[in-house]
Amino acid sequence: MFQIGSRVVHPCYGAGVVVRIQEKSIGETVHAYYVIDTVARPMQLMVPVSRAVEHALRPVGDEGDLRNCLCQCEEPPQDDEINKDQRARQATMREQLKSGVFDDIVGIARMLYYMNSKRPLGTIDRQLFDQGKDFIAGELALAADVRIDDARQEIEHLLTTMLKSAED
């Protein structure tokens, strides 16, 4: 399904590049694995080739589509979009982050950034926010063929624009 050099997204670990396909023996059985270098964190993933679909490994999204999704960062969330029940909100956000759906993760980053502008985020919300931003920046960096730091700056700029529009 993927070749060496393919740009892929793992729903839990974000975007990366398939650097090799490696065979490993487990007992008498030989399995092939995609070895993926992630862009947001210095780590390698090994995903069994035969279970890539089951693990929801997917190609990096189209740059234009990703940038369209990012446009929602320019508008502040409505009060009714923010679940007041902190535990329920955080549980929902964790599930959305695990899904690896770009649009959902952009929504999480947008909401948490907005909440942080009202009062500092707690530890768990800050972790979810950082995880979401890393996920978004990694996929955008690979799709747009830019450095991860440039993608992070672009996301920060869009989020800052949201706060400026909320003040107006």
N, C-alpha and C. Protein backbone atom coordinates (compact mmCIF):
# COMPACT_ATOMS: atom_id res chain seq x y z
N MET A 1 0.82 -1.19 0.00
CA MET A 1 0.00 0.00 0.00
C MET A 1 0.87 1.26 0.00
N PHE A 2 1.89 1.33 0.86
CA PHE A 2 2.79 2.49 0.89
C PHE A 2 4.18 2.05 0.44
N GLN A 3 4.92 3.00 -0.10
CA GLN A 3 6.28 2.74 -0.58
C GLN A 3 7.26 3.53 0.28
N ILE A 4 8.53 3.23 0.14
CA ILE A 4 9.55 4.02 0.80
C ILE A 4 9.44 5.45 0.25
N GLY A 5 9.42 6.42 1.17
CA GLY A 5 9.26 7.82 0.79
C GLY A 5 7.82 8.30 0.89
N SER A 6 6.87 7.39 1.09
CA SER A 6 5.47 7.79 1.24
C SER A 6 5.30 8.64 2.49
N ARG A 7 4.50 9.69 2.36
CA ARG A 7 4.18 10.55 3.49
C ARG A 7 2.85 10.06 4.06
N VAL A 8 2.89 9.69 5.33
CA VAL A 8 1.75 9.05 5.95
C VAL A 8 1.41 9.71 7.29
N VAL A 9 0.20 9.40 7.78
CA VAL A 9 -0.23 9.89 9.09
C VAL A 9 -0.70 8.70 9.91
N HIS A 10 -0.12 8.56 11.10
CA HIS A 10 -0.58 7.57 12.07
C HIS A 10 -1.52 8.32 13.01
N PRO A 11 -2.71 7.79 13.28
CA PRO A 11 -3.69 8.55 14.05
C PRO A 11 -3.21 8.95 15.46
N CYS A 12 -2.35 8.16 16.07
CA CYS A 12 -1.90 8.50 17.42
C CYS A 12 -0.58 9.26 17.45
N TYR A 13 0.26 9.05 16.46
CA TYR A 13 1.61 9.62 16.51
C TYR A 13 1.86 10.71 15.47
N GLY A 14 0.91 10.95 14.61
CA GLY A 14 1.04 12.03 13.65
C GLY A 14 1.72 11.64 12.35
N ALA A 15 2.20 12.67 11.65
CA ALA A 15 2.73 12.52 10.30
C ALA A 15 4.18 12.07 10.31
N GLY A 16 4.53 11.36 9.24
CA GLY A 16 5.90 10.90 9.08
C GLY A 16 6.13 10.37 7.68
N VAL A 17 7.34 9.92 7.46
CA VAL A 17 7.74 9.41 6.16
C VAL A 17 8.18 7.96 6.32
N VAL A 18 7.71 7.10 5.42
CA VAL A 18 8.14 5.70 5.42
C VAL A 18 9.59 5.68 4.94
N VAL A 19 10.51 5.28 5.82
CA VAL A 19 11.94 5.29 5.47
C VAL A 19 12.43 3.91 5.00
N ARG A 20 11.72 2.87 5.41
CA ARG A 20 12.04 1.54 4.91
C ARG A 20 10.93 0.57 5.25
N ILE A 21 10.94 -0.54 4.57
CA ILE A 21 10.04 -1.64 4.88
C ILE A 21 10.94 -2.77 5.34
N GLN A 22 10.75 -3.16 6.57
CA GLN A 22 11.66 -4.10 7.22
C GLN A 22 10.93 -5.38 7.58
N GLU A 23 11.63 -6.50 7.41
CA GLU A 23 11.06 -7.78 7.82
C GLU A 23 11.63 -8.17 9.16
N LYS A 24 10.76 -8.69 10.01
CA LYS A 24 11.16 -9.16 11.34
C LYS A 24 10.58 -10.55 11.53
N SER A 25 11.38 -11.39 12.14
CA SER A 25 10.93 -12.75 12.43
C SER A 25 10.44 -12.83 13.86
N ILE A 26 9.25 -13.36 14.01
CA ILE A 26 8.71 -13.65 15.33
C ILE A 26 8.41 -15.14 15.34
N GLY A 27 9.30 -15.86 15.99
CA GLY A 27 9.21 -17.32 15.94
C GLY A 27 9.47 -17.79 14.52
N GLU A 28 8.56 -18.57 13.97
CA GLU A 28 8.69 -19.08 12.61
C GLU A 28 8.10 -18.13 11.56
N THR A 29 7.40 -17.11 12.03
CA THR A 29 6.68 -16.23 11.12
C THR A 29 7.49 -14.96 10.83
N VAL A 30 7.48 -14.55 9.56
CA VAL A 30 8.14 -13.33 9.15
C VAL A 30 7.07 -12.29 8.80
N HIS A 31 7.22 -11.12 9.39
CA HIS A 31 6.27 -10.03 9.15
C HIS A 31 7.01 -8.83 8.57
N ALA A 32 6.33 -8.12 7.67
CA ALA A 32 6.89 -6.89 7.10
C ALA A 32 6.33 -5.70 7.87
N TYR A 33 7.19 -4.71 8.12
CA TYR A 33 6.80 -3.51 8.87
C TYR A 33 7.19 -2.27 8.10
N TYR A 34 6.30 -1.27 8.16
CA TYR A 34 6.67 0.06 7.69
C TYR A 34 7.47 0.71 8.82
N VAL A 35 8.62 1.23 8.53
CA VAL A 35 9.39 1.99 9.51
C VAL A 35 9.20 3.46 9.13
N ILE A 36 8.64 4.22 10.06
CA ILE A 36 8.23 5.59 9.79
C ILE A 36 8.97 6.55 10.72
N ASP A 37 9.62 7.55 10.12
CA ASP A 37 10.22 8.64 10.90
C ASP A 37 9.16 9.72 11.05
N THR A 38 8.81 10.06 12.29
CA THR A 38 7.82 11.10 12.51
C THR A 38 8.47 12.48 12.41
N VAL A 39 7.68 13.48 12.05
CA VAL A 39 8.24 14.82 11.87
C VAL A 39 8.10 15.70 13.11
N ALA A 40 7.06 15.52 13.90
CA ALA A 40 6.84 16.40 15.05
C ALA A 40 7.70 15.99 16.26
N ARG A 41 8.05 14.71 16.32
CA ARG A 41 8.87 14.22 17.44
C ARG A 41 9.97 13.33 16.88
N PRO A 42 11.11 13.32 17.53
CA PRO A 42 12.19 12.46 17.04
C PRO A 42 11.96 11.00 17.45
N MET A 43 11.19 10.29 16.66
CA MET A 43 10.93 8.88 16.95
C MET A 43 10.64 8.12 15.67
N GLN A 44 10.79 6.80 15.77
CA GLN A 44 10.44 5.92 14.65
C GLN A 44 9.31 5.01 15.09
N LEU A 45 8.39 4.80 14.17
CA LEU A 45 7.28 3.87 14.39
C LEU A 45 7.49 2.65 13.52
N MET A 46 7.01 1.54 14.00
CA MET A 46 6.97 0.33 13.18
C MET A 46 5.52 -0.13 13.14
N VAL A 47 4.96 -0.13 11.94
CA VAL A 47 3.57 -0.52 11.76
C VAL A 47 3.55 -1.74 10.84
N PRO A 48 2.93 -2.84 11.29
CA PRO A 48 2.86 -4.01 10.42
C PRO A 48 2.17 -3.68 9.10
N VAL A 49 2.78 -4.05 8.00
CA VAL A 49 2.20 -3.79 6.67
C VAL A 49 0.81 -4.41 6.58
N SER A 50 0.66 -5.61 7.10
CA SER A 50 -0.62 -6.32 6.99
C SER A 50 -1.72 -5.69 7.85
N ARG A 51 -1.34 -4.83 8.79
CA ARG A 51 -2.34 -4.23 9.67
C ARG A 51 -2.38 -2.70 9.54
N ALA A 52 -1.80 -2.17 8.47
CA ALA A 52 -1.76 -0.72 8.29
C ALA A 52 -3.16 -0.12 8.23
N VAL A 53 -4.07 -0.77 7.54
CA VAL A 53 -5.44 -0.27 7.44
C VAL A 53 -6.11 -0.33 8.81
N GLU A 54 -5.91 -1.42 9.50
CA GLU A 54 -6.48 -1.59 10.84
C GLU A 54 -5.96 -0.52 11.80
N HIS A 55 -4.70 -0.13 11.65
CA HIS A 55 -4.10 0.92 12.48
C HIS A 55 -4.47 2.31 11.98
N ALA A 56 -5.26 2.38 10.92
CA ALA A 56 -5.74 3.65 10.32
C ALA A 56 -4.60 4.50 9.79
N LEU A 57 -3.53 3.86 9.32
CA LEU A 57 -2.45 4.58 8.66
C LEU A 57 -3.00 5.10 7.34
N ARG A 58 -2.78 6.37 7.08
CA ARG A 58 -3.34 6.98 5.88
C ARG A 58 -2.32 7.91 5.24
N PRO A 59 -2.52 8.23 3.96
CA PRO A 59 -1.61 9.20 3.33
C PRO A 59 -1.85 10.60 3.90
N VAL A 60 -0.83 11.44 3.84
CA VAL A 60 -0.95 12.83 4.26
C VAL A 60 -2.01 13.49 3.38
N GLY A 61 -2.79 14.36 3.99
CA GLY A 61 -3.85 15.05 3.27
C GLY A 61 -3.33 16.03 2.23
N ASP A 62 -4.20 16.43 1.35
CA ASP A 62 -3.89 17.42 0.32
C ASP A 62 -3.66 18.78 0.98
N GLU A 63 -2.61 19.48 0.56
CA GLU A 63 -2.28 20.77 1.17
C GLU A 63 -3.46 21.75 1.13
N GLY A 64 -4.13 21.85 0.00
CA GLY A 64 -5.27 22.76 -0.13
C GLY A 64 -6.39 22.41 0.84
N ASP A 65 -6.68 21.11 0.96
CA ASP A 65 -7.73 20.67 1.89
C ASP A 65 -7.35 20.99 3.34
N LEU A 66 -6.08 20.76 3.68
CA LEU A 66 -5.62 21.03 5.04
C LEU A 66 -5.71 22.52 5.35
N ARG A 67 -5.30 23.33 4.40
CA ARG A 67 -5.36 24.79 4.62
C ARG A 67 -6.82 25.26 4.74
N ASN A 68 -7.73 24.65 4.00
CA ASN A 68 -9.15 24.99 4.14
C ASN A 68 -9.65 24.66 5.54
N CYS A 69 -9.23 23.51 6.07
CA CYS A 69 -9.61 23.14 7.44
C CYS A 69 -9.04 24.13 8.45
N LEU A 70 -7.82 24.59 8.18
CA LEU A 70 -7.18 25.54 9.10
C LEU A 70 -7.90 26.88 9.15
N CYS A 71 -8.69 27.19 8.14
CA CYS A 71 -9.43 28.46 8.12
C CYS A 71 -10.35 28.60 9.32
N GLN A 72 -10.80 27.46 9.88
CA GLN A 72 -11.69 27.54 11.04
C GLN A 72 -10.97 28.13 12.26
N CYS A 73 -9.63 28.14 12.23
CA CYS A 73 -8.86 28.75 13.32
C CYS A 73 -9.03 30.25 13.39
N GLU A 74 -9.49 30.84 12.33
CA GLU A 74 -9.62 32.29 12.29
C GLU A 74 -10.89 32.79 12.99
N GLU A 75 -11.81 31.89 13.31
CA GLU A 75 -13.06 32.26 13.96
C GLU A 75 -13.08 31.69 15.38
N PRO A 76 -13.38 32.52 16.38
CA PRO A 76 -13.45 32.00 17.75
C PRO A 76 -14.64 31.06 17.92
N PRO A 77 -14.50 30.06 18.79
CA PRO A 77 -15.63 29.16 19.03
C PRO A 77 -16.75 29.89 19.78
N GLN A 78 -17.96 29.44 19.57
CA GLN A 78 -19.11 29.97 20.30
C GLN A 78 -19.11 29.34 21.70
N ASP A 79 -19.70 30.02 22.65
CA ASP A 79 -19.72 29.51 24.02
C ASP A 79 -20.36 28.13 24.12
N ASP A 80 -21.39 27.88 23.30
CA ASP A 80 -22.07 26.58 23.37
C ASP A 80 -21.23 25.45 22.76
N GLU A 81 -20.15 25.78 22.08
CA GLU A 81 -19.26 24.75 21.53
C GLU A 81 -18.33 24.19 22.60
N ILE A 82 -18.14 24.93 23.68
CA ILE A 82 -17.19 24.53 24.72
C ILE A 82 -17.94 23.83 25.84
N ASN A 83 -17.67 22.55 25.99
CA ASN A 83 -18.30 21.76 27.04
C ASN A 83 -17.79 22.24 28.39
N LYS A 84 -18.68 22.63 29.26
CA LYS A 84 -18.31 23.16 30.59
C LYS A 84 -17.83 22.04 31.52
N ASP A 85 -18.24 20.80 31.24
CA ASP A 85 -17.80 19.65 32.04
C ASP A 85 -16.38 19.28 31.61
N GLN A 86 -15.41 19.66 32.43
CA GLN A 86 -14.00 19.50 32.07
C GLN A 86 -13.63 18.06 31.75
N ARG A 87 -14.05 17.13 32.58
CA ARG A 87 -13.69 15.72 32.35
C ARG A 87 -14.29 15.19 31.05
N ALA A 88 -15.53 15.51 30.82
CA ALA A 88 -16.19 15.05 29.59
C ALA A 88 -15.52 15.69 28.37
N ARG A 89 -15.20 16.98 28.46
CA ARG A 89 -14.55 17.68 27.36
C ARG A 89 -13.19 17.05 27.06
N GLN A 90 -12.41 16.79 28.10
CA GLN A 90 -11.08 16.22 27.91
C GLN A 90 -11.16 14.79 27.35
N ALA A 91 -12.13 14.02 27.81
CA ALA A 91 -12.29 12.65 27.29
C ALA A 91 -12.65 12.68 25.80
N THR A 92 -13.55 13.58 25.44
CA THR A 92 -13.92 13.72 24.03
C THR A 92 -12.72 14.14 23.20
N MET A 93 -11.96 15.09 23.71
CA MET A 93 -10.78 15.57 22.98
C MET A 93 -9.74 14.47 22.81
N ARG A 94 -9.54 13.66 23.84
CA ARG A 94 -8.59 12.54 23.73
C ARG A 94 -9.00 11.59 22.61
N GLU A 95 -10.29 11.28 22.56
CA GLU A 95 -10.79 10.38 21.52
C GLU A 95 -10.60 10.99 20.14
N GLN A 96 -10.88 12.28 20.02
CA GLN A 96 -10.71 12.95 18.73
C GLN A 96 -9.24 12.97 18.32
N LEU A 97 -8.34 13.20 19.28
CA LEU A 97 -6.91 13.18 18.96
C LEU A 97 -6.47 11.80 18.49
N LYS A 98 -6.97 10.75 19.13
CA LYS A 98 -6.62 9.38 18.74
C LYS A 98 -7.16 9.02 17.37
N SER A 99 -8.23 9.68 16.95
CA SER A 99 -8.82 9.36 15.65
C SER A 99 -7.93 9.80 14.50
N GLY A 100 -7.14 10.86 14.73
CA GLY A 100 -6.27 11.36 13.68
C GLY A 100 -6.99 12.13 12.59
N VAL A 101 -8.23 12.54 12.82
CA VAL A 101 -8.99 13.30 11.84
C VAL A 101 -8.55 14.77 11.93
N PHE A 102 -7.92 15.25 10.87
CA PHE A 102 -7.31 16.57 10.86
C PHE A 102 -8.28 17.66 11.28
N ASP A 103 -9.46 17.68 10.70
CA ASP A 103 -10.46 18.71 10.98
C ASP A 103 -10.84 18.73 12.47
N ASP A 104 -11.02 17.56 13.06
CA ASP A 104 -11.36 17.48 14.49
C ASP A 104 -10.23 18.02 15.36
N ILE A 105 -9.00 17.71 14.98
CA ILE A 105 -7.85 18.13 15.77
C ILE A 105 -7.65 19.65 15.65
N VAL A 106 -7.92 20.20 14.48
CA VAL A 106 -7.88 21.66 14.33
C VAL A 106 -8.92 22.29 15.26
N GLY A 107 -10.09 21.69 15.35
CA GLY A 107 -11.13 22.20 16.25
C GLY A 107 -10.70 22.17 17.70
N ILE A 108 -9.99 21.14 18.10
CA ILE A 108 -9.48 21.04 19.47
C ILE A 108 -8.47 22.15 19.75
N ALA A 109 -7.51 22.32 18.84
CA ALA A 109 -6.49 23.35 19.03
C ALA A 109 -7.13 24.74 19.10
N ARG A 110 -8.09 24.97 18.23
CA ARG A 110 -8.80 26.26 18.20
C ARG A 110 -9.50 26.52 19.52
N MET A 111 -10.22 25.53 20.02
CA MET A 111 -10.98 25.69 21.25
C MET A 111 -10.05 25.92 22.45
N LEU A 112 -8.99 25.11 22.54
CA LEU A 112 -8.09 25.24 23.69
C LEU A 112 -7.30 26.55 23.64
N TYR A 113 -6.94 26.99 22.45
CA TYR A 113 -6.24 28.26 22.33
C TYR A 113 -7.15 29.40 22.81
N TYR A 114 -8.39 29.33 22.39
CA TYR A 114 -9.37 30.34 22.81
C TYR A 114 -9.57 30.30 24.32
N MET A 115 -9.72 29.11 24.89
CA MET A 115 -9.90 28.97 26.33
C MET A 115 -8.68 29.52 27.08
N ASN A 116 -7.49 29.29 26.53
CA ASN A 116 -6.26 29.78 27.16
C ASN A 116 -6.21 31.31 27.17
N SER A 117 -6.87 31.93 26.21
CA SER A 117 -6.88 33.39 26.17
C SER A 117 -7.76 33.96 27.29
N LYS A 118 -8.67 33.14 27.80
CA LYS A 118 -9.56 33.58 28.88
C LYS A 118 -8.93 33.33 30.25
N ARG A 119 -8.29 32.18 30.39
CA ARG A 119 -7.55 31.85 31.60
C ARG A 119 -6.57 30.74 31.26
N PRO A 120 -5.42 30.68 31.94
CA PRO A 120 -4.40 29.67 31.60
C PRO A 120 -4.97 28.25 31.67
N LEU A 121 -4.56 27.43 30.72
CA LEU A 121 -5.02 26.04 30.68
C LEU A 121 -4.40 25.24 31.82
N GLY A 122 -5.15 24.26 32.28
CA GLY A 122 -4.62 23.32 33.25
C GLY A 122 -3.66 22.37 32.57
N THR A 123 -3.03 21.51 33.33
CA THR A 123 -2.01 20.60 32.82
C THR A 123 -2.53 19.70 31.70
N ILE A 124 -3.67 19.08 31.91
CA ILE A 124 -4.20 18.14 30.91
C ILE A 124 -4.60 18.88 29.64
N ASP A 125 -5.31 20.00 29.79
CA ASP A 125 -5.70 20.78 28.61
C ASP A 125 -4.46 21.26 27.86
N ARG A 126 -3.42 21.68 28.56
CA ARG A 126 -2.18 22.13 27.92
C ARG A 126 -1.55 20.97 27.13
N GLN A 127 -1.53 19.77 27.70
CA GLN A 127 -0.99 18.61 27.00
C GLN A 127 -1.80 18.30 25.75
N LEU A 128 -3.11 18.36 25.85
CA LEU A 128 -3.97 18.10 24.70
C LEU A 128 -3.74 19.15 23.62
N PHE A 129 -3.59 20.41 24.02
CA PHE A 129 -3.34 21.50 23.09
C PHE A 129 -2.01 21.29 22.36
N ASP A 130 -0.97 21.00 23.12
CA ASP A 130 0.35 20.79 22.51
C ASP A 130 0.35 19.59 21.57
N GLN A 131 -0.31 18.53 21.98
CA GLN A 131 -0.41 17.33 21.15
C GLN A 131 -1.15 17.65 19.85
N GLY A 132 -2.23 18.38 19.95
CA GLY A 132 -3.00 18.75 18.77
C GLY A 132 -2.20 19.62 17.82
N LYS A 133 -1.52 20.63 18.36
CA LYS A 133 -0.71 21.51 17.51
C LYS A 133 0.41 20.73 16.81
N ASP A 134 1.05 19.81 17.53
CA ASP A 134 2.11 19.00 16.91
C ASP A 134 1.55 18.15 15.77
N PHE A 135 0.38 17.58 15.99
CA PHE A 135 -0.25 16.75 14.96
C PHE A 135 -0.54 17.57 13.71
N ILE A 136 -1.16 18.73 13.91
CA ILE A 136 -1.53 19.61 12.79
C ILE A 136 -0.27 20.07 12.06
N ALA A 137 0.72 20.52 12.81
CA ALA A 137 1.95 21.04 12.20
C ALA A 137 2.68 19.96 11.43
N GLY A 138 2.71 18.75 11.95
CA GLY A 138 3.40 17.66 11.25
C GLY A 138 2.77 17.34 9.91
N GLU A 139 1.45 17.23 9.90
CA GLU A 139 0.78 16.91 8.63
C GLU A 139 0.89 18.07 7.65
N LEU A 140 0.73 19.29 8.14
CA LEU A 140 0.85 20.46 7.27
C LEU A 140 2.27 20.57 6.71
N ALA A 141 3.26 20.32 7.53
CA ALA A 141 4.66 20.41 7.08
C ALA A 141 4.93 19.44 5.93
N LEU A 142 4.44 18.21 6.06
CA LEU A 142 4.67 17.24 4.99
C LEU A 142 3.85 17.56 3.75
N ALA A 143 2.61 18.00 3.94
CA ALA A 143 1.75 18.31 2.79
C ALA A 143 2.27 19.51 2.01
N ALA A 144 2.76 20.54 2.73
CA ALA A 144 3.21 21.78 2.09
C ALA A 144 4.70 21.76 1.79
N ASP A 145 5.38 20.69 2.22
CA ASP A 145 6.82 20.56 2.03
C ASP A 145 7.57 21.74 2.64
N VAL A 146 7.23 22.01 3.92
CA VAL A 146 7.90 23.07 4.67
C VAL A 146 8.47 22.47 5.96
N ARG A 147 9.32 23.24 6.62
CA ARG A 147 9.88 22.78 7.89
C ARG A 147 8.79 22.75 8.96
N ILE A 148 8.94 21.87 9.93
CA ILE A 148 7.94 21.75 10.99
C ILE A 148 7.80 23.06 11.76
N ASP A 149 8.91 23.77 11.99
CA ASP A 149 8.84 25.04 12.71
C ASP A 149 8.05 26.08 11.93
N ASP A 150 8.17 26.08 10.61
CA ASP A 150 7.40 27.01 9.78
C ASP A 150 5.91 26.69 9.86
N ALA A 151 5.58 25.41 9.87
CA ALA A 151 4.18 25.00 9.99
C ALA A 151 3.63 25.40 11.35
N ARG A 152 4.42 25.23 12.41
CA ARG A 152 3.98 25.65 13.74
C ARG A 152 3.72 27.16 13.79
N GLN A 153 4.61 27.93 13.18
CA GLN A 153 4.43 29.39 13.16
C GLN A 153 3.16 29.78 12.41
N GLU A 154 2.88 29.09 11.32
CA GLU A 154 1.67 29.38 10.56
C GLU A 154 0.43 29.13 11.40
N ILE A 155 0.44 28.03 12.13
CA ILE A 155 -0.71 27.69 12.98
C ILE A 155 -0.86 28.73 14.10
N GLU A 156 0.24 29.10 14.72
CA GLU A 156 0.20 30.14 15.77
C GLU A 156 -0.36 31.45 15.21
N HIS A 157 0.07 31.79 14.01
CA HIS A 157 -0.41 33.02 13.38
C HIS A 157 -1.93 32.96 13.18
N LEU A 158 -2.43 31.84 12.68
CA LEU A 158 -3.88 31.70 12.47
C LEU A 158 -4.65 31.80 13.78
N LEU A 159 -4.11 31.17 14.82
CA LEU A 159 -4.78 31.21 16.12
C LEU A 159 -4.76 32.63 16.70
N THR A 160 -3.66 33.33 16.52
CA THR A 160 -3.58 34.72 16.99
C THR A 160 -4.58 35.60 16.24
N THR A 161 -4.75 35.33 14.95
CA THR A 161 -5.73 36.06 14.15
C THR A 161 -7.14 35.87 14.72
N MET A 162 -7.42 34.66 15.21
CA MET A 162 -8.73 34.38 15.81
C MET A 162 -8.97 35.30 17.00
N LEU A 163 -7.96 35.45 17.85
CA LEU A 163 -8.15 36.28 19.04
C LEU A 163 -8.34 37.75 18.64
N LYS A 164 -7.63 38.20 17.63
CA LYS A 164 -7.79 39.58 17.18
C LYS A 164 -9.20 39.81 16.65
N SER A 165 -9.75 38.81 15.93
CA SER A 165 -11.11 38.98 15.41
C SER A 165 -12.14 38.91 16.53
N ALA A 166 -11.83 38.16 17.59
CA ALA A 166 -12.75 38.06 18.73
C ALA A 166 -12.81 39.39 19.49
N GLU A 167 -11.69 40.12 19.50
CA GLU A 167 -11.64 41.41 20.19
C GLU A 167 -12.40 42.49 19.45
N ASP A 168 -12.49 42.36 18.13
CA ASP A 168 -13.15 43.40 17.31
C ASP A 168 -14.65 43.40 17.45
